[in-house]
Amino acid sequence: MLLYGYFRSSAAYRVRIALNLKGLAYDQTFVHLAKLEQLAESFAAINPQKLLPVLKTDSGQLLTQSLAIIEYLEETHPQPALLPRDPLERARVRALALAVACEIHPINNPRVLRYLTGKLGVSEAQRDDWYRHWVEEGLQAVEQMLVASPQTGRFCHGDTPTLADLCLVPQVANGRRFKADLSGCPTVVRIDAECQKVKAFADAAPANQPDAE
């Protein structure tokens, strides 16, 4: 398999963790988001959305959208499982994952930040305030979801990593990069620390990627 990614892409980070947890071998090719390589016609031919990640399967199929890719990996390589068997528990894990992937991440995506500073003329300081606001508000909501449930364990759901952790860890990393205040999210911080003890998470971290700057 071949993963198109970028070391700072939180969506690609999610997929790297999933591949590592499942022990799947993959190569990487890098698309430098800061240099806008994703806007090149050659990459648009691979993904018309001009977004990362893209996974090229062993059969040559191109898959887009990180959560769709992870669900594909879950269905084709079910062990270790990233989703519980019980339907209600699966719904809880998906809700936690989507709270990050659909509510926090999209409005802080690089193309949104570029629009703020470019088209709208927002200063870099205001852009960073925007980023921190939505990360802090979003993670505080996730914190409450975690605290409210007895199903929260060492990780977001129980004592083994799930799809929820795959989404949470990259968002925490990006939040810290923008100096978001995570003091109101002690459970989130604790779970992130637990995840960092797992080799699959550590190996997927941005600093450990070949294209890291």
C-alpha atoms as a PDB file:
ATOM      1  CA  MET A   1       0.000   0.000   0.000  1.00  0.00           C
ATOM      2  CA  LEU A   2       1.039   3.577  -0.627  1.00  0.00           C
ATOM      3  CA  LEU A   3      -0.014   6.471   1.595  1.00  0.00           C
ATOM      4  CA  TYR A   4      -0.014  10.013   0.244  1.00  0.00           C
ATOM      5  CA  GLY A   5       0.487  12.237   3.259  1.00  0.00           C
ATOM      6  CA  TYR A   6       2.264  15.086   4.974  1.00  0.00           C
ATOM      7  CA  PHE A   7       3.854  14.936   8.388  1.00  0.00           C
ATOM      8  CA  ARG A   8       1.609  17.661   9.841  1.00  0.00           C
ATOM      9  CA  SER A   9      -1.636  16.461   8.281  1.00  0.00           C
ATOM     10  CA  SER A  10      -3.770  15.272  11.185  1.00  0.00           C
ATOM     11  CA  ALA A  11      -5.958  13.249   8.818  1.00  0.00           C
ATOM     12  CA  ALA A  12      -2.911  11.413   7.442  1.00  0.00           C
ATOM     13  CA  TYR A  13      -1.698  10.978  11.027  1.00  0.00           C
ATOM     14  CA  ARG A  14      -4.919   9.083  11.833  1.00  0.00           C
ATOM     15  CA  VAL A  15      -4.324   6.672   8.972  1.00  0.00           C
ATOM     16  CA  ARG A  16      -0.674   6.127   9.913  1.00  0.00           C
ATOM     17  CA  ILE A  17      -1.760   5.113  13.407  1.00  0.00           C
ATOM     18  CA  ALA A  18      -4.346   2.684  12.011  1.00  0.00           C
ATOM     19  CA  LEU A  19      -1.834   1.089   9.639  1.00  0.00           C
ATOM     20  CA  ASN A  20       0.687   0.752  12.448  1.00  0.00           C
ATOM     21  CA  LEU A  21      -1.790  -0.714  14.927  1.00  0.00           C
ATOM     22  CA  LYS A  22      -2.819  -3.318  12.379  1.00  0.00           C
ATOM     23  CA  GLY A  23       0.789  -4.123  11.541  1.00  0.00           C
ATOM     24  CA  LEU A  24       0.365  -3.321   7.849  1.00  0.00           C
ATOM     25  CA  ALA A  25       3.349  -2.475   5.690  1.00  0.00           C
ATOM     26  CA  TYR A  26       3.049   0.658   3.600  1.00  0.00           C
ATOM     27  CA  ASP A  27       5.172   3.113   1.669  1.00  0.00           C
ATOM     28  CA  GLN A  28       4.700   6.862   1.812  1.00  0.00           C
ATOM     29  CA  THR A  29       4.847   9.636  -0.725  1.00  0.00           C
ATOM     30  CA  PHE A  30       4.725  13.186   0.520  1.00  0.00           C
ATOM     31  CA  VAL A  31       2.590  16.119  -0.575  1.00  0.00           C
ATOM     32  CA  HIS A  32       3.861  19.339   1.019  1.00  0.00           C
ATOM     33  CA  LEU A  33       0.759  21.215   2.122  1.00  0.00           C
ATOM     34  CA  ALA A  34       2.610  24.406   3.070  1.00  0.00           C
ATOM     35  CA  LYS A  35       4.060  24.577  -0.452  1.00  0.00           C
ATOM     36  CA  LEU A  36       0.559  23.946  -1.868  1.00  0.00           C
ATOM     37  CA  GLU A  37       1.656  20.826  -3.714  1.00  0.00           C
ATOM     38  CA  GLN A  38      -1.863  19.475  -3.153  1.00  0.00           C
ATOM     39  CA  LEU A  39      -3.164  22.067  -5.629  1.00  0.00           C
ATOM     40  CA  ALA A  40      -1.062  20.753  -8.498  1.00  0.00           C
ATOM     41  CA  GLU A  41      -2.933  19.184 -11.409  1.00  0.00           C
ATOM     42  CA  SER A  42      -0.983  15.979 -10.948  1.00  0.00           C
ATOM     43  CA  PHE A  43      -2.338  15.548  -7.428  1.00  0.00           C
ATOM     44  CA  ALA A  44      -5.845  16.722  -8.365  1.00  0.00           C
ATOM     45  CA  ALA A  45      -5.905  13.795 -10.779  1.00  0.00           C
ATOM     46  CA  ILE A  46      -5.370  11.523  -7.765  1.00  0.00           C
ATOM     47  CA  ASN A  47      -7.823  13.300  -5.453  1.00  0.00           C
ATOM     48  CA  PRO A  48     -10.145  15.939  -6.961  1.00  0.00           C
ATOM     49  CA  GLN A  49     -10.727  17.349  -3.463  1.00  0.00           C
ATOM     50  CA  LYS A  50      -7.003  18.203  -3.294  1.00  0.00           C
ATOM     51  CA  LEU A  51      -6.871  16.917   0.271  1.00  0.00           C
ATOM     52  CA  LEU A  52      -4.808  14.408   2.201  1.00  0.00           C
ATOM     53  CA  PRO A  53      -4.609  11.556   2.822  1.00  0.00           C
ATOM     54  CA  VAL A  54      -4.981   9.199  -0.113  1.00  0.00           C
ATOM     55  CA  LEU A  55      -4.325   5.478   0.223  1.00  0.00           C
ATOM     56  CA  LYS A  56      -3.438   3.421  -2.821  1.00  0.00           C
ATOM     57  CA  THR A  57      -4.394  -0.154  -2.037  1.00  0.00           C
ATOM     58  CA  ASP A  58      -2.452  -3.225  -3.079  1.00  0.00           C
ATOM     59  CA  SER A  59      -4.941  -3.635  -5.925  1.00  0.00           C
ATOM     60  CA  GLY A  60      -4.299  -0.076  -7.129  1.00  0.00           C
ATOM     61  CA  GLN A  61      -7.535   1.517  -5.918  1.00  0.00           C
ATOM     62  CA  LEU A  62      -7.299   5.077  -4.622  1.00  0.00           C
ATOM     63  CA  LEU A  63      -9.152   5.731  -1.364  1.00  0.00           C
ATOM     64  CA  THR A  64      -9.772   9.201   0.081  1.00  0.00           C
ATOM     65  CA  GLN A  65     -11.106  10.589   3.390  1.00  0.00           C
ATOM     66  CA  SER A  66      -9.276   9.352   6.462  1.00  0.00           C
ATOM     67  CA  LEU A  67     -12.270   7.820   8.228  1.00  0.00           C
ATOM     68  CA  ALA A  68     -13.331   5.945   5.101  1.00  0.00           C
ATOM     69  CA  ILE A  69      -9.774   4.660   4.727  1.00  0.00           C
ATOM     70  CA  ILE A  70      -9.652   3.522   8.354  1.00  0.00           C
ATOM     71  CA  GLU A  71     -13.022   1.774   8.039  1.00  0.00           C
ATOM     72  CA  TYR A  72     -11.702   0.012   4.914  1.00  0.00           C
ATOM     73  CA  LEU A  73      -8.674  -1.156   6.881  1.00  0.00           C
ATOM     74  CA  GLU A  74     -10.968  -2.278   9.702  1.00  0.00           C
ATOM     75  CA  GLU A  75     -13.102  -4.314   7.315  1.00  0.00           C
ATOM     76  CA  THR A  76     -10.207  -5.896   5.426  1.00  0.00           C
ATOM     77  CA  HIS A  77      -7.926  -6.400   8.436  1.00  0.00           C
ATOM     78  CA  PRO A  78     -10.282  -6.726  11.414  1.00  0.00           C
ATOM     79  CA  GLN A  79      -7.634  -7.428  14.045  1.00  0.00           C
ATOM     80  CA  PRO A  80      -6.866  -5.670  16.237  1.00  0.00           C
ATOM     81  CA  ALA A  81     -10.323  -4.144  16.162  1.00  0.00           C
ATOM     82  CA  LEU A  82     -10.657  -0.370  16.162  1.00  0.00           C
ATOM     83  CA  LEU A  83     -14.429  -0.501  16.658  1.00  0.00           C
ATOM     84  CA  PRO A  84     -16.308  -2.443  19.364  1.00  0.00           C
ATOM     85  CA  ARG A  85     -18.639  -5.274  18.349  1.00  0.00           C
ATOM     86  CA  ASP A  86     -21.652  -3.934  20.261  1.00  0.00           C
ATOM     87  CA  PRO A  87     -23.698  -1.493  18.124  1.00  0.00           C
ATOM     88  CA  LEU A  88     -24.198   1.024  20.935  1.00  0.00           C
ATOM     89  CA  GLU A  89     -20.509   0.982  21.787  1.00  0.00           C
ATOM     90  CA  ARG A  90     -19.606   1.373  18.107  1.00  0.00           C
ATOM     91  CA  ALA A  91     -21.908   4.386  17.956  1.00  0.00           C
ATOM     92  CA  ARG A  92     -20.188   5.923  20.981  1.00  0.00           C
ATOM     93  CA  VAL A  93     -16.721   5.458  19.478  1.00  0.00           C
ATOM     94  CA  ARG A  94     -17.864   6.906  16.160  1.00  0.00           C
ATOM     95  CA  ALA A  95     -19.465   9.878  17.918  1.00  0.00           C
ATOM     96  CA  LEU A  96     -16.195  10.672  19.718  1.00  0.00           C
ATOM     97  CA  ALA A  97     -14.258  10.319  16.489  1.00  0.00           C
ATOM     98  CA  LEU A  98     -16.664  12.523  14.565  1.00  0.00           C
ATOM     99  CA  ALA A  99     -16.661  15.156  17.316  1.00  0.00           C
ATOM    100  CA  VAL A 100     -13.054  15.732  16.290  1.00  0.00           C
ATOM    101  CA  ALA A 101     -13.046  14.828  12.603  1.00  0.00           C
ATOM    102  CA  CYS A 102     -16.253  16.667  11.666  1.00  0.00           C
ATOM    103  CA  GLU A 103     -16.601  19.418  14.262  1.00  0.00           C
ATOM    104  CA  ILE A 104     -13.071  20.594  15.117  1.00  0.00           C
ATOM    105  CA  HIS A 105     -10.791  19.660  12.259  1.00  0.00           C
ATOM    106  CA  PRO A 106     -12.667  20.970   9.166  1.00  0.00           C
ATOM    107  CA  ILE A 107     -12.887  24.589  10.316  1.00  0.00           C
ATOM    108  CA  ASN A 108      -9.181  24.578  11.172  1.00  0.00           C
ATOM    109  CA  ASN A 109      -8.052  22.860   7.996  1.00  0.00           C
ATOM    110  CA  PRO A 110      -5.122  24.614   6.228  1.00  0.00           C
ATOM    111  CA  ARG A 111      -7.333  25.735   3.334  1.00  0.00           C
ATOM    112  CA  VAL A 112      -9.680  27.466   5.806  1.00  0.00           C
ATOM    113  CA  LEU A 113      -6.766  29.158   7.548  1.00  0.00           C
ATOM    114  CA  ARG A 114      -5.370  30.298   4.177  1.00  0.00           C
ATOM    115  CA  TYR A 115      -8.759  31.780   3.283  1.00  0.00           C
ATOM    116  CA  LEU A 116      -8.870  33.680   6.563  1.00  0.00           C
ATOM    117  CA  THR A 117      -5.453  35.289   6.084  1.00  0.00           C
ATOM    118  CA  GLY A 118      -5.697  35.621   2.314  1.00  0.00           C
ATOM    119  CA  LYS A 119      -9.206  36.422   1.104  1.00  0.00           C
ATOM    120  CA  LEU A 120     -10.471  37.909   4.374  1.00  0.00           C
ATOM    121  CA  GLY A 121      -7.259  39.671   5.380  1.00  0.00           C
ATOM    122  CA  VAL A 122      -7.195  38.274   8.908  1.00  0.00           C
ATOM    123  CA  SER A 123      -3.878  38.712  10.718  1.00  0.00           C
ATOM    124  CA  GLU A 124      -1.806  35.682  11.701  1.00  0.00           C
ATOM    125  CA  ALA A 125      -2.537  36.451  15.359  1.00  0.00           C
ATOM    126  CA  GLN A 126      -6.277  36.489  14.674  1.00  0.00           C
ATOM    127  CA  ARG A 127      -5.966  33.278  12.646  1.00  0.00           C
ATOM    128  CA  ASP A 128      -4.252  31.580  15.571  1.00  0.00           C
ATOM    129  CA  ASP A 129      -6.939  32.858  17.946  1.00  0.00           C
ATOM    130  CA  TRP A 130      -9.538  31.336  15.612  1.00  0.00           C
ATOM    131  CA  TYR A 131      -7.708  28.022  15.682  1.00  0.00           C
ATOM    132  CA  ARG A 132      -7.321  27.945  19.440  1.00  0.00           C
ATOM    133  CA  HIS A 133     -10.958  28.918  20.048  1.00  0.00           C
ATOM    134  CA  TRP A 134     -12.389  26.004  18.071  1.00  0.00           C
ATOM    135  CA  VAL A 135      -9.859  23.478  19.379  1.00  0.00           C
ATOM    136  CA  GLU A 136     -10.452  24.468  22.989  1.00  0.00           C
ATOM    137  CA  GLU A 137     -14.245  24.555  22.648  1.00  0.00           C
ATOM    138  CA  GLY A 138     -14.299  21.275  20.738  1.00  0.00           C
ATOM    139  CA  LEU A 139     -11.968  19.371  23.038  1.00  0.00           C
ATOM    140  CA  GLN A 140     -13.810  20.625  26.103  1.00  0.00           C
ATOM    141  CA  ALA A 141     -16.963  19.053  24.647  1.00  0.00           C
ATOM    142  CA  VAL A 142     -15.081  15.808  24.027  1.00  0.00           C
ATOM    143  CA  GLU A 143     -13.823  15.998  27.611  1.00  0.00           C
ATOM    144  CA  GLN A 144     -17.390  16.098  28.887  1.00  0.00           C
ATOM    145  CA  MET A 145     -18.353  13.175  26.663  1.00  0.00           C
ATOM    146  CA  LEU A 146     -15.489  11.165  28.116  1.00  0.00           C
ATOM    147  CA  VAL A 147     -16.119  12.117  31.736  1.00  0.00           C
ATOM    148  CA  ALA A 148     -19.834  11.353  31.476  1.00  0.00           C
ATOM    149  CA  SER A 149     -19.363   7.739  30.407  1.00  0.00           C
ATOM    150  CA  PRO A 150     -18.250   4.769  32.516  1.00  0.00           C
ATOM    151  CA  GLN A 151     -17.019   3.222  29.259  1.00  0.00           C
ATOM    152  CA  THR A 152     -14.065   5.590  29.216  1.00  0.00           C
ATOM    153  CA  GLY A 153     -11.020   3.654  30.342  1.00  0.00           C
ATOM    154  CA  ARG A 154      -7.329   3.856  29.707  1.00  0.00           C
ATOM    155  CA  PHE A 155      -8.306   5.061  26.245  1.00  0.00           C
ATOM    156  CA  CYS A 156     -11.399   6.819  24.923  1.00  0.00           C
ATOM    157  CA  HIS A 157     -13.359   3.573  25.041  1.00  0.00           C
ATOM    158  CA  GLY A 158     -12.095   0.868  27.317  1.00  0.00           C
ATOM    159  CA  ASP A 159      -8.501  -0.210  27.600  1.00  0.00           C
ATOM    160  CA  THR A 160      -7.535  -0.675  23.951  1.00  0.00           C
ATOM    161  CA  PRO A 161      -7.206   1.995  21.247  1.00  0.00           C
ATOM    162  CA  THR A 162     -10.187   2.669  19.018  1.00  0.00           C
ATOM    163  CA  LEU A 163     -11.082   4.958  16.147  1.00  0.00           C
ATOM    164  CA  ALA A 164     -11.795   7.674  18.722  1.00  0.00           C
ATOM    165  CA  ASP A 165      -8.174   7.698  19.920  1.00  0.00           C
ATOM    166  CA  LEU A 166      -6.926   7.782  16.318  1.00  0.00           C
ATOM    167  CA  CYS A 167      -8.811  11.051  15.841  1.00  0.00           C
ATOM    168  CA  LEU A 168      -8.122  12.549  19.249  1.00  0.00           C
ATOM    169  CA  VAL A 169      -4.320  12.263  19.336  1.00  0.00           C
ATOM    170  CA  PRO A 170      -3.590  14.190  16.097  1.00  0.00           C
ATOM    171  CA  GLN A 171      -5.980  16.953  17.157  1.00  0.00           C
ATOM    172  CA  VAL A 172      -4.273  17.296  20.525  1.00  0.00           C
ATOM    173  CA  ALA A 173      -0.914  17.499  18.744  1.00  0.00           C
ATOM    174  CA  ASN A 174      -2.149  20.279  16.472  1.00  0.00           C
ATOM    175  CA  GLY A 175      -3.749  22.083  19.379  1.00  0.00           C
ATOM    176  CA  ARG A 176      -0.470  22.094  21.235  1.00  0.00           C
ATOM    177  CA  ARG A 177       1.342  23.346  18.143  1.00  0.00           C
ATOM    178  CA  PHE A 178      -0.951  26.388  18.161  1.00  0.00           C
ATOM    179  CA  LYS A 179      -0.612  26.724  21.954  1.00  0.00           C
ATOM    180  CA  ALA A 180      -4.244  25.885  22.734  1.00  0.00           C
ATOM    181  CA  ASP A 181      -5.158  25.859  26.413  1.00  0.00           C
ATOM    182  CA  LEU A 182      -5.892  22.239  27.326  1.00  0.00           C
ATOM    183  CA  SER A 183      -6.117  22.814  31.073  1.00  0.00           C
ATOM    184  CA  GLY A 184      -9.872  22.248  30.911  1.00  0.00           C
ATOM    185  CA  CYS A 185      -9.398  18.824  29.330  1.00  0.00           C
ATOM    186  CA  PRO A 186      -7.551  16.626  31.863  1.00  0.00           C
ATOM    187  CA  THR A 187      -9.105  13.392  30.610  1.00  0.00           C
ATOM    188  CA  VAL A 188      -8.204  14.227  27.024  1.00  0.00           C
ATOM    189  CA  VAL A 189      -4.641  14.977  28.105  1.00  0.00           C
ATOM    190  CA  ARG A 190      -4.444  11.759  30.118  1.00  0.00           C
ATOM    191  CA  ILE A 191      -5.669   9.627  27.225  1.00  0.00           C
ATOM    192  CA  ASP A 192      -3.256  11.324  24.831  1.00  0.00           C
ATOM    193  CA  ALA A 193      -0.413  10.467  27.212  1.00  0.00           C
ATOM    194  CA  GLU A 194      -1.549   6.843  27.344  1.00  0.00           C
ATOM    195  CA  CYS A 195      -1.615   6.685  23.556  1.00  0.00           C
ATOM    196  CA  GLN A 196       1.937   8.024  23.349  1.00  0.00           C
ATOM    197  CA  LYS A 197       3.086   4.929  25.270  1.00  0.00           C
ATOM    198  CA  VAL A 198       1.887   2.742  22.382  1.00  0.00           C
ATOM    199  CA  LYS A 199       4.540   2.239  19.700  1.00  0.00           C
ATOM    200  CA  ALA A 200       2.033   2.444  16.844  1.00  0.00           C
ATOM    201  CA  PHE A 201       1.078   5.964  17.941  1.00  0.00           C
ATOM    202  CA  ALA A 202       4.646   7.076  18.620  1.00  0.00           C
ATOM    203  CA  ASP A 203       5.880   5.831  15.236  1.00  0.00           C
ATOM    204  CA  ALA A 204       3.054   7.721  13.490  1.00  0.00           C
ATOM    205  CA  ALA A 205       3.851  11.051  15.182  1.00  0.00           C
ATOM    206  CA  PRO A 206       4.690  13.982  12.896  1.00  0.00           C
ATOM    207  CA  ALA A 207       8.222  14.354  14.260  1.00  0.00           C
ATOM    208  CA  ASN A 208       8.981  10.749  13.314  1.00  0.00           C
ATOM    209  CA  GLN A 209       8.037  11.050   9.642  1.00  0.00           C
ATOM    210  CA  PRO A 210      10.663  11.184   6.890  1.00  0.00           C
ATOM    211  CA  ASP A 211       9.343  14.534   5.635  1.00  0.00           C
ATOM    212  CA  ALA A 212       9.336  16.182   9.072  1.00  0.00           C
ATOM    213  CA  GLU A 213      10.867  19.657   9.106  1.00  0.00           C
END
